[in-house]
């Protein structure tokens, strides 16, 4: 099952039968006791007092260490995220993207998204496919860039994480995680439908190990811009948090239909240049990548991050 198929087949909310709850069928119930069930449509009600998008930091890479409490504030809900300017030069990023294209025969093509690398979000529940691919991808990543790309990501996360060490997690007896995925959104059709990480990383089987070692609720997303498209492709943040999501939105998987339901909420685009990095609470805030137009792909390099369960370190992976 592909990454997009998993998103489509797993709506945000699902009915769960408790282990010891007896199942009673209509056939086992006297006709006089069976009443016609009327299903109400999912509620569209929105709490007018819900929290809204709040503070956002915009800082140059050289000053990132001035915000050592950023990750803690993101978890606390007093900061939505931050744009970090110039983490990489355009040349440093372009070199890696160009070399990645030489491995096009290894890309995972999902139509509206094309991946260099593997991602835990698309892995089978037992993660066997993920761990089989990870060593190959990690070797490739080391070859792509002339700078220590993964190390610099860790440097940023450590700086905004209060000096905690930042590392790519590993699972004993299984292997290391992948630190980044390069995502290509093709022109005239590339899109990432609206979602939050809370809707899948706290329930899907592929995240079982991460839930054991990291604070996955309201976890973080990060990426570096590798190439801007001719037009479109903006990351937009909806003025809606996961906890306040109406039932009609939660009832649908990632899709154009759900995007349409979210249009009743305000949304804020985040403007980033090549080499800039974004870090935000992708677990809590609904977000989407707008359709890409023109002749150039939208290319980003990134993944996810979270504090460890003991809050002694920052983990990042894809």
Protein backbone atom coordinates (compact mmCIF):
# COMPACT_ATOMS: atom_id res chain seq x y z
CA UNK A 1 0.00 0.00 0.00
CA UNK A 2 1.42 3.39 -1.02
CA UNK A 3 1.76 6.48 1.13
CA UNK A 4 -1.21 8.26 -0.41
CA UNK A 5 -3.35 5.14 -0.23
CA UNK A 6 -2.74 5.00 3.53
CA UNK A 7 -3.89 8.59 3.92
CA UNK A 8 -7.01 7.98 1.87
CA UNK A 9 -7.94 4.75 3.60
CA UNK A 10 -7.59 6.07 7.15
CA UNK A 11 -9.99 8.88 7.99
CA UNK A 12 -9.23 11.07 10.95
CA UNK A 13 -11.82 9.37 13.14
CA UNK A 14 -12.84 5.74 13.15
CA UNK A 15 -15.33 3.76 15.15
CA UNK A 16 -13.65 1.51 17.72
CA UNK A 17 -15.31 -1.50 19.35
CA UNK A 18 -14.13 -2.00 22.92
CA UNK A 19 -12.57 -5.41 23.54
CA UNK A 20 -15.19 -6.56 26.07
CA UNK A 21 -18.19 -4.81 24.56
CA UNK A 22 -20.88 -7.33 23.45
CA UNK A 23 -22.02 -7.10 19.85
CA UNK A 24 -25.79 -7.27 19.39
CA UNK A 25 -27.22 -7.71 15.91
CA UNK A 26 -30.71 -6.85 14.76
CA UNK A 27 -31.28 -10.52 13.93
CA UNK A 28 -30.77 -11.47 17.58
CA UNK A 29 -33.17 -8.81 18.84
CA UNK A 30 -36.98 -9.15 18.90
CA UNK A 31 -38.56 -7.18 16.06
CA UNK A 32 -40.54 -5.05 18.49
CA UNK A 33 -37.32 -3.82 20.08
CA UNK A 34 -35.59 -2.89 16.83
CA UNK A 35 -35.93 0.78 16.01
CA UNK A 36 -34.93 2.32 12.74
CA UNK A 37 -31.58 4.04 13.23
CA UNK A 38 -31.33 7.58 11.98
CA UNK A 39 -27.78 8.67 11.31
CA UNK A 40 -27.11 12.36 11.77
CA UNK A 41 -24.61 14.00 9.42
CA UNK A 42 -21.25 14.92 10.98
CA UNK A 43 -21.43 18.22 12.81
CA UNK A 44 -20.07 21.34 11.12
CA UNK A 45 -20.14 23.37 14.32
CA UNK A 46 -17.06 25.41 15.13
CA UNK A 47 -16.33 26.79 18.59
CA UNK A 48 -16.23 30.59 18.21
CA UNK A 49 -13.90 30.78 21.23
CA UNK A 50 -11.37 28.35 19.81
CA UNK A 51 -7.64 29.24 19.84
CA UNK A 52 -6.41 30.96 16.68
CA UNK A 53 -3.06 31.14 14.93
CA UNK A 54 -0.66 32.96 17.20
CA UNK A 55 2.97 34.03 17.31
CA UNK A 56 5.41 33.20 14.53
CA UNK A 57 9.15 33.90 14.63
CA UNK A 58 11.14 34.98 11.58
CA UNK A 59 14.87 34.87 12.32
CA UNK A 60 18.17 34.59 10.42
CA UNK A 61 20.19 31.41 10.90
CA UNK A 62 22.93 33.35 12.69
CA UNK A 63 20.47 34.34 15.43
CA UNK A 64 18.68 31.04 15.93
CA UNK A 65 20.48 30.41 19.23
CA UNK A 66 18.67 33.47 20.64
CA UNK A 67 15.52 31.34 20.84
CA UNK A 68 16.49 28.31 22.94
CA UNK A 69 12.94 27.85 24.24
CA UNK A 70 11.25 27.71 20.82
CA UNK A 71 10.49 23.98 20.83
CA UNK A 72 9.17 24.11 24.38
CA UNK A 73 6.95 27.06 23.43
CA UNK A 74 5.65 25.21 20.37
CA UNK A 75 4.65 22.27 22.55
CA UNK A 76 3.06 24.64 25.07
CA UNK A 77 1.03 26.30 22.33
CA UNK A 78 2.43 29.80 22.83
CA UNK A 79 4.37 29.68 19.55
CA UNK A 80 3.09 28.23 16.28
CA UNK A 81 6.44 27.98 14.53
CA UNK A 82 9.35 29.79 12.98
CA UNK A 83 10.98 30.64 9.66
CA UNK A 84 14.77 30.39 9.81
CA UNK A 85 16.41 32.29 6.98
CA UNK A 86 19.55 31.15 5.18
CA UNK A 87 20.23 27.87 6.94
CA UNK A 88 21.76 26.78 3.65
CA UNK A 89 22.95 28.70 0.62
CA UNK A 90 21.15 28.26 -2.68
CA UNK A 91 24.23 26.50 -4.08
CA UNK A 92 24.43 24.05 -1.17
CA UNK A 93 20.81 23.05 -1.61
CA UNK A 94 20.85 23.04 -5.43
CA UNK A 95 23.81 20.65 -5.45
CA UNK A 96 21.92 18.10 -3.37
CA UNK A 97 18.72 18.40 -5.40
CA UNK A 98 20.63 17.96 -8.67
CA UNK A 99 22.42 14.86 -7.40
CA UNK A 100 19.15 13.44 -6.09
CA UNK A 101 17.69 13.69 -9.60
CA UNK A 102 20.40 11.30 -10.79
CA UNK A 103 18.64 8.62 -8.70
CA UNK A 104 15.26 9.23 -10.36
CA UNK A 105 14.90 5.51 -11.03
CA UNK A 106 14.72 5.02 -7.25
CA UNK A 107 12.06 7.69 -6.63
CA UNK A 108 8.68 6.74 -5.15
CA UNK A 109 6.15 8.21 -7.59
CA UNK A 110 2.72 8.89 -6.07
CA UNK A 111 1.50 11.03 -8.94
CA UNK A 112 0.96 14.38 -7.26
CA UNK A 113 4.02 13.79 -5.05
CA UNK A 114 7.36 12.18 -5.86
CA UNK A 115 9.71 11.14 -3.04
CA UNK A 116 13.43 10.59 -2.91
CA UNK A 117 13.74 8.32 0.09
CA UNK A 118 11.34 6.51 2.34
CA UNK A 119 9.08 7.87 5.08
CA UNK A 120 7.65 6.28 8.20
CA UNK A 121 4.27 7.82 7.36
CA UNK A 122 4.01 5.50 4.36
CA UNK A 123 5.49 2.39 6.00
CA UNK A 124 3.70 -0.84 6.81
CA UNK A 125 2.72 -1.27 10.44
CA UNK A 126 5.67 -3.56 11.21
CA UNK A 127 8.12 -1.09 9.58
CA UNK A 128 10.00 -3.94 7.87
CA UNK A 129 9.88 -2.19 4.49
CA UNK A 130 11.08 1.05 6.06
CA UNK A 131 14.07 -0.52 7.79
CA UNK A 132 14.99 -2.45 4.64
CA UNK A 133 15.21 0.77 2.62
CA UNK A 134 16.69 3.04 5.31
CA UNK A 135 20.40 2.01 5.06
CA UNK A 136 20.39 2.55 1.29
CA UNK A 137 18.69 5.95 1.61
CA UNK A 138 21.00 7.06 4.41
CA UNK A 139 24.05 6.21 2.30
CA UNK A 140 22.56 8.18 -0.59
CA UNK A 141 21.86 11.21 1.64
CA UNK A 142 25.50 11.31 2.75
CA UNK A 143 26.53 11.50 -0.93
CA UNK A 144 24.11 14.20 -2.05
CA UNK A 145 25.45 17.29 -0.32
CA UNK A 146 28.88 18.88 -0.11
CA UNK A 147 27.97 20.09 3.40
CA UNK A 148 26.80 18.11 6.42
CA UNK A 149 23.11 18.66 5.69
CA UNK A 150 21.77 16.38 8.40
CA UNK A 151 24.26 17.74 10.93
CA UNK A 152 23.14 21.31 10.27
CA UNK A 153 19.49 20.37 10.74
CA UNK A 154 20.50 18.86 14.06
CA UNK A 155 22.40 22.03 14.92
CA UNK A 156 19.26 24.14 14.40
CA UNK A 157 17.03 21.78 16.37
CA UNK A 158 19.51 21.68 19.24
CA UNK A 159 19.74 25.49 19.31
CA UNK A 160 15.96 25.96 19.51
CA UNK A 161 15.65 22.96 21.82
CA UNK A 162 17.48 24.49 24.74
CA UNK A 163 20.81 22.92 23.85
CA UNK A 164 19.46 19.38 23.96
CA UNK A 165 21.31 16.98 21.66
CA UNK A 166 19.44 16.39 18.40
CA UNK A 167 19.71 12.99 16.78
CA UNK A 168 18.07 10.60 14.34
CA UNK A 169 16.43 7.80 16.35
CA UNK A 170 17.11 4.11 15.97
CA UNK A 171 15.18 1.03 17.05
CA UNK A 172 17.18 -1.66 18.78
CA UNK A 173 17.57 -4.71 16.62
CA UNK A 174 15.88 -3.02 13.65
CA UNK A 175 18.04 -0.13 12.49
CA UNK A 176 18.29 3.63 12.09
CA UNK A 177 15.56 5.96 10.95
CA UNK A 178 15.88 8.15 7.85
CA UNK A 179 16.58 11.83 8.70
CA UNK A 180 15.15 13.47 5.58
CA UNK A 181 13.00 12.89 2.54
CA UNK A 182 13.23 15.02 -0.61
CA UNK A 183 9.76 15.76 -1.91
CA UNK A 184 9.11 16.83 -5.48
CA UNK A 185 5.68 18.26 -6.29
CA UNK A 186 5.38 18.27 -10.09
CA UNK A 187 4.07 21.35 -11.90
CA UNK A 188 0.42 21.57 -12.93
CA UNK A 189 -0.92 19.06 -10.46
CA UNK A 190 1.47 18.62 -7.54
CA UNK A 191 -0.29 19.18 -4.23
CA UNK A 192 -0.28 18.09 -0.58
CA UNK A 193 -3.82 17.97 0.75
CA UNK A 194 -4.68 19.40 4.15
CA UNK A 195 -3.77 17.36 7.21
CA UNK A 196 -2.28 17.41 10.69
CA UNK A 197 0.20 14.90 12.09
CA UNK A 198 -2.01 14.28 15.13
CA UNK A 199 -4.53 12.42 12.96
CA UNK A 200 -2.11 9.61 12.09
CA UNK A 201 1.10 9.60 14.15
CA UNK A 202 -0.77 8.77 17.34
CA UNK A 203 -2.74 5.85 15.95
CA UNK A 204 -1.00 4.18 13.00
CA UNK A 205 1.03 1.07 13.70
CA UNK A 206 4.11 2.34 11.87
CA UNK A 207 4.52 4.98 14.61
CA UNK A 208 4.46 2.50 17.50
CA UNK A 209 8.16 2.79 18.29
CA UNK A 210 8.18 6.58 17.97
CA UNK A 211 5.26 6.81 20.40
CA UNK A 212 7.35 4.84 22.90
CA UNK A 213 10.37 7.13 22.72
CA UNK A 214 9.01 10.57 21.73
CA UNK A 215 6.27 13.07 22.54
CA UNK A 216 4.27 12.54 19.37
CA UNK A 217 1.16 14.51 20.30
CA UNK A 218 1.50 17.99 18.75
CA UNK A 219 4.82 16.98 17.20
CA UNK A 220 6.77 19.23 14.83
CA UNK A 221 7.30 19.35 11.08
CA UNK A 222 10.37 20.83 9.40
CA UNK A 223 11.68 21.30 5.90
CA UNK A 224 14.19 23.29 3.87
CA UNK A 225 13.18 24.78 0.52
CA UNK A 226 15.18 23.14 -2.27
CA UNK A 227 13.50 24.78 -5.23
CA UNK A 228 10.60 27.20 -5.60
CA UNK A 229 8.06 26.56 -8.37
CA UNK A 230 7.12 29.19 -10.93
CA UNK A 231 3.91 29.79 -8.99
CA UNK A 232 1.81 28.13 -6.32
CA UNK A 233 3.23 25.54 -3.95
CA UNK A 234 2.92 27.73 -0.85
CA UNK A 235 2.59 26.13 2.54
CA UNK A 236 -0.60 27.52 4.08
CA UNK A 237 -1.59 27.26 7.74
CA UNK A 238 -5.31 27.14 8.45
CA UNK A 239 -6.72 29.05 11.38
CA UNK A 240 -7.81 25.77 12.95
CA UNK A 241 -6.24 23.48 15.54
CA UNK A 242 -6.73 19.72 15.71
CA UNK A 243 -8.56 19.78 19.05
CA UNK A 244 -11.16 22.21 17.64
CA UNK A 245 -11.73 20.43 14.34
CA UNK A 246 -15.41 20.00 13.36
CA UNK A 247 -16.67 16.47 12.91
CA UNK A 248 -17.30 16.85 9.18
CA UNK A 249 -13.60 17.59 8.62
CA UNK A 250 -12.34 14.78 10.86
CA UNK A 251 -14.63 12.29 9.14
CA UNK A 252 -12.79 12.59 5.82
CA UNK A 253 -9.31 11.42 4.73
CA UNK A 254 -6.83 13.68 2.91
CA UNK A 255 -8.68 14.78 -0.22
CA UNK A 256 -9.92 17.69 -2.29
CA UNK A 257 -13.27 17.29 -0.57
CA UNK A 258 -11.74 17.90 2.85
CA UNK A 259 -9.71 20.82 1.48
CA UNK A 260 -13.01 22.32 0.38
CA UNK A 261 -14.51 22.03 3.86
CA UNK A 262 -11.50 23.82 5.32
CA UNK A 263 -11.95 26.81 3.02
CA UNK A 264 -14.39 28.30 5.54
CA UNK A 265 -11.41 28.96 7.80
CA UNK A 266 -8.83 31.67 7.30
CA UNK A 267 -5.42 30.59 6.10
CA UNK A 268 -1.97 32.15 6.19
CA UNK A 269 0.72 31.43 3.57
CA UNK A 270 4.33 31.09 4.71
CA UNK A 271 6.79 32.68 2.29
CA UNK A 272 10.15 30.91 2.16
CA UNK A 273 13.18 31.23 -0.11
CA UNK A 274 15.60 28.51 -1.24
CA UNK A 275 17.78 27.51 1.72
CA UNK A 276 15.29 28.72 4.34
CA UNK A 277 14.03 26.27 6.95
CA UNK A 278 10.63 26.09 8.60
CA UNK A 279 9.82 24.46 11.94
CA UNK A 280 6.21 24.41 13.13
CA UNK A 281 3.62 22.46 15.04
CA UNK A 282 2.43 20.31 12.17
CA UNK A 283 0.79 17.99 14.66
CA UNK A 284 -1.65 20.62 15.88
CA UNK A 285 -2.22 23.09 13.03
CA UNK A 286 -4.08 22.12 9.87
CA UNK A 287 -1.84 22.82 6.88
CA UNK A 288 -1.71 22.24 3.15
CA UNK A 289 0.60 22.81 0.19
CA UNK A 290 -1.19 24.72 -2.56
CA UNK A 291 -1.18 23.29 -6.11
CA UNK A 292 2.02 23.87 -8.09
CA UNK A 293 1.82 25.70 -11.43
CA UNK A 294 4.26 26.52 -14.22
CA UNK A 295 7.17 24.42 -15.41
CA UNK A 296 9.29 24.09 -12.26
CA UNK A 297 8.77 21.56 -9.49
CA UNK A 298 8.42 22.50 -5.86
CA UNK A 299 11.23 20.73 -3.98
CA UNK A 300 11.57 20.50 -0.20
CA UNK A 301 13.92 18.52 2.02
CA UNK A 302 12.68 17.63 5.47
CA UNK A 303 10.77 15.50 7.90
CA UNK A 304 9.51 15.63 11.48
CA UNK A 305 10.80 16.30 14.98
CA UNK A 306 9.78 15.74 18.60
CA UNK A 307 11.12 15.89 22.10
CA UNK A 308 12.03 12.55 23.63
CA UNK A 309 9.67 11.19 26.27
CA UNK A 310 12.14 12.16 29.00
CA UNK A 311 12.59 15.57 27.31
CA UNK A 312 16.38 15.12 27.36
CA UNK A 313 16.87 15.24 23.59
CA UNK A 314 15.30 16.15 20.25
CA UNK A 315 14.60 13.44 17.70
CA UNK A 316 14.19 14.09 13.99
CA UNK A 317 13.29 11.67 11.19
CA UNK A 318 11.30 11.17 8.06
